[in-house]
Amino acid sequence: MRGKDEDTGEFLSPSRSQQRREALDVLALAARLVALEPGRLAKLPVPEHLLPHVAEAKRITSHIAHKRQLAFLAKQMRREDDEALDAIRDALDAGGEAAKQETALLHRAERWRERLIDEGDGALAELLGEFPQADRQKLRQLARNAVEERNRNRPPRAFRELFREIRDLLGGSSEGDDGADAEGPDAR
């Protein structure tokens, strides 16, 4: 029984309906985790002790047994802090804050790359003013090579490498990313 605060008349805990809604929300989150491929799952901030339960739920194919294992996984997840579950939701959400920050970083790196190719040393001086730890010689050489590739209609090897250098410089280097999908739509 929930009980009421004798002084204010407010209920002391959430209603059973609210508790059920929260439990079903965690169950849906568990189902999303189980449906993910292993590479994407590894990038999420899932606590280590939950990973064997996720793997076990993936392994089971029998409908009822799978459903039971999924419920067990959700029960284990409900024991986690709300912050941990919110971090998982945010990482899963394509419109989440982490995804927005990553997209903004990639767009910023693309703008710097285009400026280095189009403006040359002026943009390089500005970039070095903002990031003094950058390797001036390497960035200048990559920009020159990218211009040369563009002029001769060659494959964009230096173009991509310049993007990766700038992205790493801006602090957006991600593990396991080979940069193939990070060049954006203007990567010829």
N, C-alpha and C. Protein backbone atom coordinates (compact mmCIF):
# COMPACT_ATOMS: atom_id res chain seq x y z
N MET A 1 0.84 -1.18 0.00
CA MET A 1 0.00 0.00 0.00
C MET A 1 0.88 1.24 0.00
N ARG A 2 0.48 2.25 -0.76
CA ARG A 2 1.29 3.43 -0.94
C ARG A 2 1.31 4.31 0.29
N GLY A 3 0.20 4.58 0.79
CA GLY A 3 0.13 5.45 1.96
C GLY A 3 0.18 6.92 1.58
N LYS A 4 -0.29 7.76 2.52
CA LYS A 4 -0.31 9.19 2.31
C LYS A 4 0.51 9.87 3.39
N ASP A 5 1.06 10.99 3.04
CA ASP A 5 1.72 11.83 4.02
C ASP A 5 0.62 12.49 4.85
N GLU A 6 0.67 12.32 6.17
CA GLU A 6 -0.41 12.82 7.02
C GLU A 6 -0.48 14.34 7.02
N ASP A 7 0.65 15.02 6.83
CA ASP A 7 0.65 16.48 6.87
C ASP A 7 0.14 17.10 5.57
N THR A 8 0.62 16.63 4.44
CA THR A 8 0.28 17.27 3.17
C THR A 8 -0.82 16.55 2.40
N GLY A 9 -1.04 15.29 2.69
CA GLY A 9 -2.05 14.52 1.98
C GLY A 9 -1.56 13.97 0.66
N GLU A 10 -0.26 14.14 0.34
CA GLU A 10 0.30 13.63 -0.90
C GLU A 10 0.64 12.15 -0.76
N PHE A 11 0.60 11.45 -1.88
CA PHE A 11 0.98 10.05 -1.88
C PHE A 11 2.50 9.93 -1.75
N LEU A 12 2.97 8.88 -1.07
CA LEU A 12 4.38 8.72 -0.79
C LEU A 12 5.17 8.08 -1.93
N SER A 13 4.54 7.34 -2.79
CA SER A 13 5.25 6.66 -3.88
C SER A 13 4.40 6.72 -5.14
N PRO A 14 4.98 6.37 -6.28
CA PRO A 14 4.20 6.38 -7.52
C PRO A 14 3.06 5.35 -7.46
N SER A 15 2.05 5.61 -8.25
CA SER A 15 0.92 4.67 -8.31
C SER A 15 1.35 3.38 -8.99
N ARG A 16 0.54 2.35 -8.84
CA ARG A 16 0.84 1.09 -9.51
C ARG A 16 0.84 1.26 -11.01
N SER A 17 -0.05 2.09 -11.51
CA SER A 17 -0.10 2.34 -12.96
C SER A 17 1.20 2.98 -13.43
N GLN A 18 1.72 3.94 -12.67
CA GLN A 18 2.97 4.59 -13.04
C GLN A 18 4.14 3.60 -12.97
N GLN A 19 4.15 2.77 -11.95
CA GLN A 19 5.21 1.77 -11.82
C GLN A 19 5.17 0.79 -13.00
N ARG A 20 3.96 0.42 -13.43
CA ARG A 20 3.81 -0.49 -14.56
C ARG A 20 4.30 0.17 -15.85
N ARG A 21 3.94 1.44 -16.05
CA ARG A 21 4.39 2.15 -17.25
C ARG A 21 5.91 2.22 -17.30
N GLU A 22 6.53 2.49 -16.16
CA GLU A 22 7.99 2.55 -16.10
C GLU A 22 8.62 1.19 -16.38
N ALA A 23 8.01 0.13 -15.84
CA ALA A 23 8.53 -1.22 -16.07
C ALA A 23 8.40 -1.62 -17.55
N LEU A 24 7.29 -1.26 -18.17
CA LEU A 24 7.10 -1.56 -19.60
C LEU A 24 8.07 -0.75 -20.46
N ASP A 25 8.40 0.45 -20.03
CA ASP A 25 9.37 1.27 -20.75
C ASP A 25 10.75 0.62 -20.70
N VAL A 26 11.13 0.08 -19.54
CA VAL A 26 12.42 -0.60 -19.41
C VAL A 26 12.41 -1.90 -20.22
N LEU A 27 11.27 -2.59 -20.26
CA LEU A 27 11.16 -3.80 -21.07
C LEU A 27 11.35 -3.48 -22.56
N ALA A 28 10.77 -2.38 -23.01
CA ALA A 28 10.95 -1.97 -24.41
C ALA A 28 12.42 -1.62 -24.69
N LEU A 29 13.08 -0.98 -23.72
CA LEU A 29 14.49 -0.66 -23.87
C LEU A 29 15.32 -1.94 -23.95
N ALA A 30 14.99 -2.93 -23.14
CA ALA A 30 15.69 -4.21 -23.17
C ALA A 30 15.51 -4.89 -24.52
N ALA A 31 14.30 -4.82 -25.07
CA ALA A 31 14.05 -5.42 -26.39
C ALA A 31 14.87 -4.72 -27.47
N ARG A 32 15.02 -3.39 -27.36
CA ARG A 32 15.85 -2.66 -28.33
C ARG A 32 17.31 -3.08 -28.22
N LEU A 33 17.79 -3.29 -27.00
CA LEU A 33 19.18 -3.71 -26.81
C LEU A 33 19.42 -5.09 -27.42
N VAL A 34 18.48 -5.99 -27.23
CA VAL A 34 18.63 -7.36 -27.75
C VAL A 34 18.59 -7.35 -29.28
N ALA A 35 17.86 -6.42 -29.87
CA ALA A 35 17.74 -6.38 -31.33
C ALA A 35 18.97 -5.78 -32.01
N LEU A 36 19.85 -5.14 -31.26
CA LEU A 36 21.02 -4.49 -31.86
C LEU A 36 22.07 -5.50 -32.30
N GLU A 37 22.84 -5.11 -33.32
CA GLU A 37 23.97 -5.93 -33.74
C GLU A 37 25.10 -5.72 -32.73
N PRO A 38 26.02 -6.67 -32.61
CA PRO A 38 27.06 -6.61 -31.58
C PRO A 38 27.95 -5.36 -31.64
N GLY A 39 28.26 -4.88 -32.82
CA GLY A 39 29.12 -3.71 -32.95
C GLY A 39 28.47 -2.46 -32.37
N ARG A 40 27.19 -2.29 -32.65
CA ARG A 40 26.47 -1.12 -32.13
C ARG A 40 26.27 -1.25 -30.62
N LEU A 41 26.02 -2.47 -30.15
CA LEU A 41 25.83 -2.70 -28.72
C LEU A 41 27.10 -2.38 -27.95
N ALA A 42 28.24 -2.67 -28.54
CA ALA A 42 29.52 -2.41 -27.86
C ALA A 42 29.77 -0.92 -27.67
N LYS A 43 29.21 -0.09 -28.52
CA LYS A 43 29.42 1.35 -28.43
C LYS A 43 28.51 2.01 -27.39
N LEU A 44 27.51 1.30 -26.93
CA LEU A 44 26.56 1.87 -25.97
C LEU A 44 27.11 1.78 -24.54
N PRO A 45 26.70 2.69 -23.68
CA PRO A 45 27.16 2.66 -22.29
C PRO A 45 26.38 1.66 -21.43
N VAL A 46 26.33 0.42 -21.86
CA VAL A 46 25.62 -0.63 -21.13
C VAL A 46 26.56 -1.16 -20.04
N PRO A 47 26.10 -1.25 -18.79
CA PRO A 47 26.95 -1.81 -17.74
C PRO A 47 27.39 -3.23 -18.08
N GLU A 48 28.62 -3.56 -17.69
CA GLU A 48 29.23 -4.84 -18.04
C GLU A 48 28.43 -6.04 -17.55
N HIS A 49 27.83 -5.93 -16.37
CA HIS A 49 27.13 -7.09 -15.82
C HIS A 49 25.81 -7.37 -16.56
N LEU A 50 25.35 -6.46 -17.41
CA LEU A 50 24.13 -6.72 -18.18
C LEU A 50 24.42 -7.38 -19.53
N LEU A 51 25.64 -7.27 -19.99
CA LEU A 51 25.97 -7.81 -21.32
C LEU A 51 25.74 -9.32 -21.46
N PRO A 52 26.09 -10.13 -20.45
CA PRO A 52 25.78 -11.57 -20.59
C PRO A 52 24.28 -11.85 -20.69
N HIS A 53 23.46 -11.06 -20.01
CA HIS A 53 22.01 -11.25 -20.08
C HIS A 53 21.49 -10.88 -21.47
N VAL A 54 22.08 -9.82 -22.06
CA VAL A 54 21.69 -9.43 -23.41
C VAL A 54 22.08 -10.54 -24.40
N ALA A 55 23.30 -11.07 -24.24
CA ALA A 55 23.76 -12.14 -25.14
C ALA A 55 22.89 -13.38 -25.00
N GLU A 56 22.51 -13.70 -23.79
CA GLU A 56 21.65 -14.87 -23.57
C GLU A 56 20.28 -14.67 -24.21
N ALA A 57 19.73 -13.47 -24.11
CA ALA A 57 18.43 -13.20 -24.72
C ALA A 57 18.53 -13.28 -26.25
N LYS A 58 19.67 -12.88 -26.82
CA LYS A 58 19.86 -13.00 -28.26
C LYS A 58 19.94 -14.46 -28.69
N ARG A 59 20.58 -15.27 -27.85
CA ARG A 59 20.82 -16.67 -28.19
C ARG A 59 19.53 -17.48 -28.21
N ILE A 60 18.60 -17.19 -27.33
CA ILE A 60 17.37 -17.97 -27.19
C ILE A 60 16.41 -17.63 -28.32
N THR A 61 15.93 -18.67 -29.01
CA THR A 61 15.03 -18.44 -30.14
C THR A 61 13.59 -18.85 -29.86
N SER A 62 13.38 -19.72 -28.90
CA SER A 62 12.02 -20.13 -28.55
C SER A 62 11.25 -18.92 -28.04
N HIS A 63 10.03 -18.74 -28.56
CA HIS A 63 9.28 -17.52 -28.27
C HIS A 63 9.08 -17.28 -26.77
N ILE A 64 8.55 -18.25 -26.09
CA ILE A 64 8.24 -18.07 -24.66
C ILE A 64 9.52 -17.94 -23.85
N ALA A 65 10.52 -18.75 -24.16
CA ALA A 65 11.79 -18.66 -23.42
C ALA A 65 12.47 -17.31 -23.68
N HIS A 66 12.38 -16.83 -24.91
CA HIS A 66 12.96 -15.53 -25.25
C HIS A 66 12.25 -14.41 -24.48
N LYS A 67 10.94 -14.52 -24.42
CA LYS A 67 10.14 -13.53 -23.71
C LYS A 67 10.49 -13.53 -22.22
N ARG A 68 10.68 -14.71 -21.66
CA ARG A 68 11.04 -14.85 -20.26
C ARG A 68 12.43 -14.25 -20.00
N GLN A 69 13.38 -14.54 -20.88
CA GLN A 69 14.73 -14.00 -20.71
C GLN A 69 14.74 -12.48 -20.87
N LEU A 70 13.92 -11.97 -21.77
CA LEU A 70 13.80 -10.53 -21.96
C LEU A 70 13.23 -9.87 -20.70
N ALA A 71 12.25 -10.51 -20.08
CA ALA A 71 11.69 -9.99 -18.83
C ALA A 71 12.74 -10.00 -17.73
N PHE A 72 13.58 -11.04 -17.70
CA PHE A 72 14.64 -11.11 -16.70
C PHE A 72 15.67 -9.99 -16.92
N LEU A 73 16.01 -9.75 -18.19
CA LEU A 73 16.93 -8.66 -18.51
C LEU A 73 16.35 -7.32 -18.06
N ALA A 74 15.06 -7.11 -18.32
CA ALA A 74 14.42 -5.86 -17.90
C ALA A 74 14.43 -5.73 -16.38
N LYS A 75 14.25 -6.84 -15.67
CA LYS A 75 14.30 -6.81 -14.21
C LYS A 75 15.68 -6.39 -13.73
N GLN A 76 16.73 -6.92 -14.37
CA GLN A 76 18.10 -6.54 -14.01
C GLN A 76 18.34 -5.06 -14.34
N MET A 77 17.77 -4.59 -15.44
CA MET A 77 17.96 -3.20 -15.83
C MET A 77 17.24 -2.24 -14.89
N ARG A 78 16.10 -2.67 -14.34
CA ARG A 78 15.36 -1.80 -13.42
C ARG A 78 16.15 -1.56 -12.14
N ARG A 79 17.13 -2.40 -11.84
CA ARG A 79 17.97 -2.21 -10.66
C ARG A 79 19.03 -1.13 -10.88
N GLU A 80 19.21 -0.72 -12.13
CA GLU A 80 20.20 0.30 -12.46
C GLU A 80 19.66 1.69 -12.10
N ASP A 81 20.58 2.64 -12.00
CA ASP A 81 20.19 4.03 -11.77
C ASP A 81 19.45 4.57 -12.98
N ASP A 82 18.62 5.57 -12.73
CA ASP A 82 17.91 6.21 -13.84
C ASP A 82 18.89 6.87 -14.81
N GLU A 83 20.01 7.38 -14.28
CA GLU A 83 21.00 8.03 -15.13
C GLU A 83 21.60 7.04 -16.14
N ALA A 84 21.86 5.82 -15.69
CA ALA A 84 22.44 4.80 -16.58
C ALA A 84 21.45 4.45 -17.69
N LEU A 85 20.18 4.29 -17.35
CA LEU A 85 19.17 3.97 -18.36
C LEU A 85 18.96 5.13 -19.31
N ASP A 86 19.00 6.36 -18.77
CA ASP A 86 18.85 7.53 -19.64
C ASP A 86 20.03 7.65 -20.60
N ALA A 87 21.23 7.30 -20.14
CA ALA A 87 22.41 7.35 -21.02
C ALA A 87 22.27 6.34 -22.16
N ILE A 88 21.74 5.16 -21.84
CA ILE A 88 21.52 4.14 -22.89
C ILE A 88 20.48 4.63 -23.88
N ARG A 89 19.38 5.20 -23.36
CA ARG A 89 18.32 5.70 -24.25
C ARG A 89 18.86 6.80 -25.16
N ASP A 90 19.64 7.70 -24.58
CA ASP A 90 20.18 8.80 -25.36
C ASP A 90 21.11 8.30 -26.45
N ALA A 91 21.94 7.31 -26.12
CA ALA A 91 22.86 6.77 -27.12
C ALA A 91 22.11 6.02 -28.22
N LEU A 92 21.00 5.39 -27.88
CA LEU A 92 20.19 4.67 -28.87
C LEU A 92 19.39 5.63 -29.75
N ASP A 93 18.98 6.72 -29.16
CA ASP A 93 18.11 7.65 -29.85
C ASP A 93 18.88 8.37 -30.94
N ALA A 94 18.40 8.27 -32.16
CA ALA A 94 19.09 8.91 -33.28
C ALA A 94 19.09 10.43 -33.13
N GLY A 95 18.09 10.97 -32.46
CA GLY A 95 18.02 12.40 -32.23
C GLY A 95 18.54 12.78 -30.86
N GLY A 96 19.23 11.88 -30.20
CA GLY A 96 19.72 12.14 -28.85
C GLY A 96 20.83 13.17 -28.84
N GLU A 97 21.15 13.63 -27.66
CA GLU A 97 22.16 14.68 -27.51
C GLU A 97 23.53 14.22 -28.02
N ALA A 98 23.89 12.98 -27.75
CA ALA A 98 25.20 12.49 -28.21
C ALA A 98 25.26 12.47 -29.73
N ALA A 99 24.18 12.05 -30.37
CA ALA A 99 24.15 12.01 -31.83
C ALA A 99 24.20 13.42 -32.41
N LYS A 100 23.53 14.37 -31.76
CA LYS A 100 23.55 15.75 -32.22
C LYS A 100 24.95 16.34 -32.12
N GLN A 101 25.64 16.05 -31.02
CA GLN A 101 26.99 16.56 -30.85
C GLN A 101 27.94 15.96 -31.88
N GLU A 102 27.80 14.67 -32.15
CA GLU A 102 28.65 14.02 -33.14
C GLU A 102 28.40 14.59 -34.53
N THR A 103 27.14 14.82 -34.87
CA THR A 103 26.80 15.38 -36.17
C THR A 103 27.35 16.80 -36.30
N ALA A 104 27.22 17.59 -35.24
CA ALA A 104 27.75 18.95 -35.27
C ALA A 104 29.27 18.94 -35.45
N LEU A 105 29.93 18.01 -34.80
CA LEU A 105 31.39 17.91 -34.93
C LEU A 105 31.78 17.55 -36.37
N LEU A 106 31.06 16.63 -36.98
CA LEU A 106 31.36 16.23 -38.35
C LEU A 106 31.13 17.39 -39.32
N HIS A 107 30.07 18.16 -39.10
CA HIS A 107 29.80 19.31 -39.97
C HIS A 107 30.90 20.37 -39.82
N ARG A 108 31.34 20.57 -38.60
CA ARG A 108 32.40 21.54 -38.34
C ARG A 108 33.70 21.10 -39.04
N ALA A 109 34.00 19.81 -38.95
CA ALA A 109 35.20 19.30 -39.61
C ALA A 109 35.09 19.45 -41.13
N GLU A 110 33.90 19.22 -41.69
CA GLU A 110 33.70 19.40 -43.14
C GLU A 110 33.92 20.85 -43.55
N ARG A 111 33.41 21.79 -42.73
CA ARG A 111 33.60 23.21 -43.05
C ARG A 111 35.08 23.58 -43.03
N TRP A 112 35.82 23.09 -42.03
CA TRP A 112 37.25 23.38 -41.96
C TRP A 112 37.98 22.77 -43.17
N ARG A 113 37.60 21.56 -43.53
CA ARG A 113 38.26 20.92 -44.68
C ARG A 113 38.05 21.75 -45.94
N GLU A 114 36.82 22.16 -46.19
CA GLU A 114 36.53 22.95 -47.38
C GLU A 114 37.27 24.28 -47.36
N ARG A 115 37.34 24.91 -46.19
CA ARG A 115 38.07 26.17 -46.10
C ARG A 115 39.56 25.96 -46.36
N LEU A 116 40.13 24.88 -45.83
CA LEU A 116 41.56 24.62 -46.06
C LEU A 116 41.84 24.39 -47.53
N ILE A 117 40.93 23.71 -48.21
CA ILE A 117 41.12 23.43 -49.63
C ILE A 117 40.91 24.70 -50.46
N ASP A 118 39.87 25.47 -50.14
CA ASP A 118 39.53 26.65 -50.94
C ASP A 118 40.42 27.86 -50.63
N GLU A 119 40.67 28.13 -49.33
CA GLU A 119 41.36 29.36 -48.94
C GLU A 119 42.86 29.17 -48.73
N GLY A 120 43.30 27.94 -48.49
CA GLY A 120 44.73 27.69 -48.33
C GLY A 120 45.29 28.15 -47.00
N ASP A 121 46.40 28.91 -47.07
CA ASP A 121 47.15 29.27 -45.87
C ASP A 121 46.39 30.20 -44.93
N GLY A 122 45.47 31.00 -45.44
CA GLY A 122 44.67 31.89 -44.57
C GLY A 122 43.83 31.09 -43.60
N ALA A 123 43.14 30.07 -44.11
CA ALA A 123 42.33 29.22 -43.25
C ALA A 123 43.21 28.37 -42.34
N LEU A 124 44.36 27.97 -42.84
CA LEU A 124 45.28 27.17 -42.02
C LEU A 124 45.77 27.98 -40.82
N ALA A 125 46.10 29.25 -41.05
CA ALA A 125 46.55 30.12 -39.95
C ALA A 125 45.45 30.29 -38.91
N GLU A 126 44.21 30.41 -39.37
CA GLU A 126 43.09 30.55 -38.44
C GLU A 126 42.87 29.26 -37.64
N LEU A 127 42.98 28.11 -38.33
CA LEU A 127 42.83 26.82 -37.65
C LEU A 127 43.94 26.63 -36.61
N LEU A 128 45.16 27.00 -36.97
CA LEU A 128 46.28 26.86 -36.03
C LEU A 128 46.15 27.84 -34.87
N GLY A 129 45.52 28.98 -35.10
CA GLY A 129 45.26 29.91 -34.00
C GLY A 129 44.29 29.33 -32.99
N GLU A 130 43.33 28.57 -33.50
CA GLU A 130 42.35 27.94 -32.61
C GLU A 130 42.91 26.66 -31.98
N PHE A 131 43.73 25.93 -32.74
CA PHE A 131 44.32 24.68 -32.26
C PHE A 131 45.83 24.71 -32.47
N PRO A 132 46.58 25.30 -31.54
CA PRO A 132 48.03 25.44 -31.73
C PRO A 132 48.78 24.10 -31.72
N GLN A 133 48.18 23.05 -31.21
CA GLN A 133 48.86 21.75 -31.16
C GLN A 133 48.82 21.02 -32.50
N ALA A 134 48.12 21.58 -33.48
CA ALA A 134 47.98 20.93 -34.78
C ALA A 134 49.31 20.89 -35.53
N ASP A 135 49.45 19.90 -36.38
CA ASP A 135 50.66 19.73 -37.20
C ASP A 135 50.49 20.54 -38.48
N ARG A 136 51.12 21.71 -38.52
CA ARG A 136 50.98 22.64 -39.64
C ARG A 136 51.40 22.00 -40.96
N GLN A 137 52.54 21.36 -40.94
CA GLN A 137 53.10 20.80 -42.18
C GLN A 137 52.19 19.70 -42.74
N LYS A 138 51.70 18.83 -41.87
CA LYS A 138 50.85 17.73 -42.34
C LYS A 138 49.54 18.26 -42.91
N LEU A 139 48.91 19.22 -42.21
CA LEU A 139 47.65 19.77 -42.70
C LEU A 139 47.84 20.49 -44.03
N ARG A 140 48.93 21.26 -44.15
CA ARG A 140 49.19 21.98 -45.40
C ARG A 140 49.40 20.99 -46.55
N GLN A 141 50.17 19.94 -46.29
CA GLN A 141 50.44 18.94 -47.34
C GLN A 141 49.17 18.21 -47.75
N LEU A 142 48.33 17.84 -46.77
CA LEU A 142 47.07 17.16 -47.10
C LEU A 142 46.14 18.07 -47.90
N ALA A 143 46.10 19.35 -47.54
CA ALA A 143 45.25 20.29 -48.29
C ALA A 143 45.75 20.43 -49.72
N ARG A 144 47.06 20.54 -49.90
CA ARG A 144 47.62 20.63 -51.26
C ARG A 144 47.30 19.37 -52.06
N ASN A 145 47.48 18.21 -51.44
CA ASN A 145 47.19 16.95 -52.13
C ASN A 145 45.71 16.84 -52.49
N ALA A 146 44.84 17.32 -51.60
CA ALA A 146 43.40 17.26 -51.88
C ALA A 146 43.05 18.16 -53.06
N VAL A 147 43.66 19.34 -53.15
CA VAL A 147 43.43 20.23 -54.28
C VAL A 147 43.93 19.56 -55.57
N GLU A 148 45.09 18.95 -55.48
CA GLU A 148 45.67 18.27 -56.65
C GLU A 148 44.76 17.11 -57.10
N GLU A 149 44.24 16.35 -56.13
CA GLU A 149 43.32 15.25 -56.46
C GLU A 149 42.07 15.76 -57.15
N ARG A 150 41.56 16.85 -56.64
CA ARG A 150 40.34 17.42 -57.19
C ARG A 150 40.58 17.90 -58.63
N ASN A 151 41.72 18.55 -58.84
CA ASN A 151 42.03 19.07 -60.17
C ASN A 151 42.27 17.96 -61.20
N ARG A 152 42.83 16.86 -60.77
CA ARG A 152 43.13 15.76 -61.69
C ARG A 152 42.07 14.66 -61.70
N ASN A 153 40.97 14.88 -61.00
CA ASN A 153 39.87 13.90 -60.91
C ASN A 153 40.36 12.54 -60.42
N ARG A 154 41.18 12.56 -59.41
CA ARG A 154 41.69 11.32 -58.83
C ARG A 154 40.84 10.93 -57.63
N PRO A 155 41.00 9.68 -57.16
CA PRO A 155 40.26 9.27 -55.96
C PRO A 155 40.62 10.15 -54.76
N PRO A 156 39.65 10.44 -53.89
CA PRO A 156 39.85 11.42 -52.82
C PRO A 156 40.55 10.87 -51.58
N ARG A 157 41.73 10.31 -51.73
CA ARG A 157 42.44 9.75 -50.59
C ARG A 157 42.88 10.85 -49.62
N ALA A 158 43.56 11.88 -50.10
CA ALA A 158 44.02 12.97 -49.24
C ALA A 158 42.84 13.77 -48.71
N PHE A 159 41.79 13.89 -49.52
CA PHE A 159 40.56 14.58 -49.12
C PHE A 159 40.01 13.94 -47.84
N ARG A 160 39.93 12.61 -47.85
CA ARG A 160 39.43 11.87 -46.68
C ARG A 160 40.40 11.94 -45.51
N GLU A 161 41.68 11.82 -45.82
CA GLU A 161 42.68 11.85 -44.74
C GLU A 161 42.70 13.22 -44.07
N LEU A 162 42.51 14.28 -44.83
CA LEU A 162 42.44 15.63 -44.27
C LEU A 162 41.23 15.74 -43.34
N PHE A 163 40.11 15.17 -43.76
CA PHE A 163 38.92 15.17 -42.90
C PHE A 163 39.20 14.46 -41.57
N ARG A 164 39.84 13.28 -41.65
CA ARG A 164 40.13 12.53 -40.42
C ARG A 164 41.07 13.31 -39.51
N GLU A 165 42.07 13.96 -40.08
CA GLU A 165 42.99 14.77 -39.28
C GLU A 165 42.25 15.88 -38.55
N ILE A 166 41.39 16.58 -39.27
CA ILE A 166 40.64 17.69 -38.67
C ILE A 166 39.68 17.17 -37.62
N ARG A 167 38.99 16.06 -37.91
CA ARG A 167 38.06 15.49 -36.94
C ARG A 167 38.80 15.09 -35.67
N ASP A 168 39.95 14.47 -35.80
CA ASP A 168 40.74 14.11 -34.62
C ASP A 168 41.20 15.34 -33.87
N LEU A 169 41.55 16.37 -34.59
CA LEU A 169 41.98 17.61 -33.98
C LEU A 169 40.85 18.26 -33.18
N LEU A 170 39.65 18.22 -33.73
CA LEU A 170 38.50 18.79 -33.05
C LEU A 170 38.05 17.95 -31.86
N GLY A 171 38.62 16.76 -31.72
CA GLY A 171 38.29 15.92 -30.56
C GLY A 171 37.20 14.92 -30.82
N GLY A 172 36.91 14.61 -32.05
CA GLY A 172 35.81 13.71 -32.35
C GLY A 172 36.23 12.36 -32.87
N SER A 173 37.44 11.94 -32.59
CA SER A 173 37.89 10.63 -33.05
C SER A 173 37.13 9.56 -32.29
N SER A 174 36.50 8.64 -33.04
CA SER A 174 35.75 7.56 -32.39
C SER A 174 36.39 6.23 -32.70
N GLU A 175 36.42 5.35 -31.72
CA GLU A 175 37.05 4.04 -31.90
C GLU A 175 36.25 3.22 -32.89
N GLY A 176 36.98 2.47 -33.71
CA GLY A 176 36.32 1.55 -34.62
C GLY A 176 35.76 2.22 -35.86
N ASP A 177 35.92 3.56 -35.98
CA ASP A 177 35.39 4.26 -37.13
C ASP A 177 36.50 4.43 -38.14
N ASP A 178 36.33 3.86 -39.32
CA ASP A 178 37.38 3.96 -40.32
C ASP A 178 37.25 5.24 -41.13
N GLY A 179 36.22 6.04 -40.86
CA GLY A 179 36.07 7.29 -41.53
C GLY A 179 35.38 7.17 -42.87
N ALA A 180 35.02 6.00 -43.31
CA ALA A 180 34.42 5.82 -44.63
C ALA A 180 33.08 6.51 -44.72
N ASP A 181 32.30 6.51 -43.65
CA ASP A 181 30.98 7.13 -43.69
C ASP A 181 31.02 8.53 -43.11
N ALA A 182 32.17 8.99 -42.65
CA ALA A 182 32.25 10.26 -41.97
C ALA A 182 32.59 11.43 -42.90
N GLU A 183 32.84 11.19 -44.17
CA GLU A 183 33.24 12.27 -45.04
C GLU A 183 32.08 13.14 -45.45
N GLY A 184 30.89 12.67 -45.29
CA GLY A 184 29.72 13.46 -45.60
C GLY A 184 29.34 13.37 -47.05
N PRO A 185 28.33 14.12 -47.45
CA PRO A 185 27.80 14.02 -48.80
C PRO A 185 28.70 14.65 -49.85
N ASP A 186 29.63 15.53 -49.44
CA ASP A 186 30.46 16.20 -50.43
C ASP A 186 31.77 15.47 -50.66
N ALA A 187 31.87 14.20 -50.28
CA ALA A 187 33.12 13.44 -50.40
C ALA A 187 33.24 12.76 -51.75
N ARG A 188 32.86 13.45 -52.78
CA ARG A 188 32.95 12.94 -54.17
C ARG A 188 32.76 11.46 -54.23
